[in-house]
C-alpha cells in the first residue's frame, strides 16, 4: 500500500496495487471519493478530491509499526 497527498491540488490517493496499474472501472463512493478497480474487479486505489474538505483540515495518517520476529 502506498499513500500520496498533493497539497497543491488537495488530492489524496491510496494505492492498493502497484502505482501505474490501469483502472478498468471507477466507482463514485460519494462526491469527491472514487474507488478504482482493475479488469478483474480488484480494488486498486481510492482517490479523494478536495481531501481537506472531506477528511478534515489536517491530513495525517498513523500506521502501526510492525515487529519482525
C-alpha atoms as a PDB file:
ATOM      1  CA  UNK A   1       0.000   0.000   0.000  1.00  0.00           C
ATOM      2  CA  UNK A   2       1.225   3.480  -0.846  1.00  0.00           C
ATOM      3  CA  UNK A   3      -0.344   6.807   0.137  1.00  0.00           C
ATOM      4  CA  UNK A   4       0.288  10.052  -1.750  1.00  0.00           C
ATOM      5  CA  UNK A   5      -1.018  13.504  -0.947  1.00  0.00           C
ATOM      6  CA  UNK A   6      -0.626  16.530  -3.220  1.00  0.00           C
ATOM      7  CA  UNK A   7      -1.205  19.642  -1.067  1.00  0.00           C
ATOM      8  CA  UNK A   8      -1.291  21.985  -4.068  1.00  0.00           C
ATOM      9  CA  UNK A   9      -4.187  20.116  -5.670  1.00  0.00           C
ATOM     10  CA  UNK A  10      -5.518  18.837  -2.295  1.00  0.00           C
ATOM     11  CA  UNK A  11      -5.628  15.350  -3.773  1.00  0.00           C
ATOM     12  CA  UNK A  12      -5.148  12.131  -1.802  1.00  0.00           C
ATOM     13  CA  UNK A  13      -4.588   8.753  -3.458  1.00  0.00           C
ATOM     14  CA  UNK A  14      -4.242   5.414  -1.680  1.00  0.00           C
ATOM     15  CA  UNK A  15      -2.703   2.665  -3.821  1.00  0.00           C
ATOM     16  CA  UNK A  16      -3.551  -0.965  -3.039  1.00  0.00           C
ATOM     17  CA  UNK A  17      -1.712  -2.196  -6.137  1.00  0.00           C
ATOM     18  CA  UNK A  18       1.471  -1.081  -7.839  1.00  0.00           C
ATOM     19  CA  UNK A  19       1.276   2.596  -8.877  1.00  0.00           C
ATOM     20  CA  UNK A  20       0.565   2.765 -12.573  1.00  0.00           C
ATOM     21  CA  UNK A  21      -1.752  -0.255 -12.719  1.00  0.00           C
ATOM     22  CA  UNK A  22      -4.579   0.643 -15.065  1.00  0.00           C
ATOM     23  CA  UNK A  23      -8.083   1.139 -13.755  1.00  0.00           C
ATOM     24  CA  UNK A  24     -10.837  -0.620 -15.708  1.00  0.00           C
ATOM     25  CA  UNK A  25     -13.674   0.871 -13.652  1.00  0.00           C
ATOM     26  CA  UNK A  26     -14.075   3.826 -11.315  1.00  0.00           C
ATOM     27  CA  UNK A  27     -16.966   3.881  -8.856  1.00  0.00           C
ATOM     28  CA  UNK A  28     -18.118   7.058  -7.114  1.00  0.00           C
ATOM     29  CA  UNK A  29     -18.364   6.343  -3.388  1.00  0.00           C
ATOM     30  CA  UNK A  30     -19.596   9.874  -2.715  1.00  0.00           C
ATOM     31  CA  UNK A  31     -18.873  13.160  -4.485  1.00  0.00           C
ATOM     32  CA  UNK A  32     -15.099  13.597  -4.397  1.00  0.00           C
ATOM     33  CA  UNK A  33     -14.319   9.999  -3.340  1.00  0.00           C
ATOM     34  CA  UNK A  34     -13.659   7.404  -6.031  1.00  0.00           C
ATOM     35  CA  UNK A  35     -12.673   3.736  -5.949  1.00  0.00           C
ATOM     36  CA  UNK A  36     -10.637   2.313  -8.835  1.00  0.00           C
ATOM     37  CA  UNK A  37     -10.887  -1.359  -9.811  1.00  0.00           C
ATOM     38  CA  UNK A  38      -8.786  -3.375 -12.255  1.00  0.00           C
ATOM     39  CA  UNK A  39     -10.193  -5.586 -15.020  1.00  0.00           C
ATOM     40  CA  UNK A  40     -10.585  -8.477 -12.539  1.00  0.00           C
ATOM     41  CA  UNK A  41     -12.675  -6.363 -10.154  1.00  0.00           C
ATOM     42  CA  UNK A  42      -9.899  -6.000  -7.566  1.00  0.00           C
ATOM     43  CA  UNK A  43      -9.740  -2.681  -5.672  1.00  0.00           C
ATOM     44  CA  UNK A  44      -6.510  -0.986  -6.744  1.00  0.00           C
ATOM     45  CA  UNK A  45      -6.917   2.511  -5.309  1.00  0.00           C
ATOM     46  CA  UNK A  46      -9.016   5.202  -3.702  1.00  0.00           C
ATOM     47  CA  UNK A  47      -8.871   8.838  -4.788  1.00  0.00           C
ATOM     48  CA  UNK A  48     -10.091  11.718  -2.636  1.00  0.00           C
ATOM     49  CA  UNK A  49     -10.509  15.097  -4.326  1.00  0.00           C
ATOM     50  CA  UNK A  50     -10.655  18.149  -2.024  1.00  0.00           C
ATOM     51  CA  UNK A  51      -9.257  15.910   0.699  1.00  0.00           C
ATOM     52  CA  UNK A  52      -9.182  18.586   3.419  1.00  0.00           C
ATOM     53  CA  UNK A  53     -12.870  19.283   2.905  1.00  0.00           C
ATOM     54  CA  UNK A  54     -13.792  15.592   3.032  1.00  0.00           C
ATOM     55  CA  UNK A  55     -11.343  14.371   5.690  1.00  0.00           C
ATOM     56  CA  UNK A  56     -10.862  17.473   7.798  1.00  0.00           C
ATOM     57  CA  UNK A  57      -8.306  20.246   7.717  1.00  0.00           C
ATOM     58  CA  UNK A  58      -5.389  18.119   8.968  1.00  0.00           C
ATOM     59  CA  UNK A  59      -4.347  15.216   6.755  1.00  0.00           C
ATOM     60  CA  UNK A  60      -2.419  12.775   8.924  1.00  0.00           C
ATOM     61  CA  UNK A  61      -2.002   9.005   8.935  1.00  0.00           C
ATOM     62  CA  UNK A  62      -0.694   6.866  11.746  1.00  0.00           C
ATOM     63  CA  UNK A  63       0.171   3.298  10.908  1.00  0.00           C
ATOM     64  CA  UNK A  64       1.163   0.708  13.482  1.00  0.00           C
ATOM     65  CA  UNK A  65       4.759  -0.414  13.487  1.00  0.00           C
ATOM     66  CA  UNK A  66       5.364  -3.994  12.514  1.00  0.00           C
ATOM     67  CA  UNK A  67       7.595  -6.120  14.676  1.00  0.00           C
ATOM     68  CA  UNK A  68       9.506  -8.721  12.743  1.00  0.00           C
ATOM     69  CA  UNK A  69      10.459 -11.724  14.812  1.00  0.00           C
END
